Amino acid sequence: MSDDLSIEVRRGDPDDDELAALIAVVTEAYAAEAASATADDSKPATPWSRTQRPLRQPVRRDVAWGRYIG
């Protein structure tokens, strides 16, 4: 974690025990999120996967071309 972290209490008057509990909970939540947020680096990116655009929706065959039913 960063050394320049600060906590600002905007309301109330927490004592040292309450602040310590807050820091412990936030630190544990941050550690759990950081552990589960790792990227899958098992496959290197190919040029195709880097430039691939999202695929369009499949063509609907139940709607006539140009919505013209003549």
Protein backbone atom coordinates (compact mmCIF):
# COMPACT_ATOMS: atom_id res chain seq x y z
CA MET A 1 0.00 0.00 0.00
CA SER A 2 0.99 3.59 -0.44
CA ASP A 3 2.64 5.52 2.36
CA ASP A 4 0.71 8.68 1.52
CA LEU A 5 -2.68 7.20 2.42
CA SER A 6 -4.89 9.42 4.54
CA ILE A 7 -8.29 9.08 6.19
CA GLU A 8 -10.51 12.08 6.74
CA VAL A 9 -13.32 11.80 9.31
CA ARG A 10 -16.13 14.08 8.21
CA ARG A 11 -18.72 13.30 10.86
CA GLY A 12 -18.63 11.92 14.35
CA ASP A 13 -15.72 11.45 16.70
CA PRO A 14 -14.27 7.92 16.31
CA ASP A 15 -11.81 6.73 18.90
CA ASP A 16 -8.55 4.93 18.12
CA ASP A 17 -10.14 1.47 18.35
CA GLU A 18 -12.83 2.36 15.81
CA LEU A 19 -10.27 3.79 13.38
CA ALA A 20 -8.10 0.69 13.80
CA ALA A 21 -11.11 -1.53 13.02
CA LEU A 22 -11.90 0.54 9.93
CA ILE A 23 -8.32 0.28 8.66
CA ALA A 24 -8.27 -3.48 9.26
CA VAL A 25 -11.52 -4.03 7.34
CA VAL A 26 -10.52 -1.81 4.42
CA THR A 27 -7.05 -3.39 4.23
CA GLU A 28 -8.51 -6.90 4.18
CA ALA A 29 -11.05 -5.97 1.50
CA TYR A 30 -8.30 -4.38 -0.62
CA ALA A 31 -6.06 -7.44 -0.27
CA ALA A 32 -8.91 -9.79 -1.24
CA GLU A 33 -9.80 -7.70 -4.28
CA ALA A 34 -6.19 -7.38 -5.38
CA ALA A 35 -5.70 -11.15 -5.10
CA SER A 36 -8.74 -11.91 -7.25
CA ALA A 37 -8.06 -9.19 -9.85
CA THR A 38 -5.12 -10.83 -11.56
CA ALA A 39 -5.05 -11.02 -15.34
CA ASP A 40 -4.79 -14.34 -17.13
CA ASP A 41 -1.39 -14.22 -18.84
CA SER A 42 -1.42 -17.84 -19.98
CA LYS A 43 -1.75 -16.96 -23.69
CA PRO A 44 0.19 -14.15 -25.34
CA ALA A 45 -1.91 -11.72 -27.35
CA THR A 46 -1.82 -12.24 -31.09
CA PRO A 47 -2.06 -9.42 -33.63
CA TRP A 48 -5.55 -10.68 -34.53
CA SER A 49 -6.80 -10.59 -30.95
CA ARG A 50 -5.45 -7.08 -30.45
CA THR A 51 -7.16 -5.67 -33.54
CA GLN A 52 -10.31 -7.79 -33.43
CA ARG A 53 -13.46 -5.71 -33.31
CA PRO A 54 -16.48 -6.93 -31.41
CA LEU A 55 -18.61 -9.19 -33.54
CA ARG A 56 -21.97 -7.95 -34.73
CA GLN A 57 -25.26 -9.54 -33.83
CA PRO A 58 -26.30 -12.43 -36.09
CA VAL A 59 -28.58 -11.63 -38.98
CA ARG A 60 -32.24 -12.03 -38.08
CA ARG A 61 -33.85 -14.25 -40.69
CA ASP A 62 -37.40 -13.62 -39.42
CA VAL A 63 -37.32 -9.95 -40.51
CA ALA A 64 -37.56 -9.29 -44.27
CA TRP A 65 -34.71 -7.42 -45.93
CA GLY A 66 -35.18 -3.71 -45.40
CA ARG A 67 -38.31 -4.55 -43.46
CA TYR A 68 -40.13 -4.65 -46.80
CA ILE A 69 -42.66 -7.42 -47.07
CA GLY A 70 -44.13 -7.11 -50.51
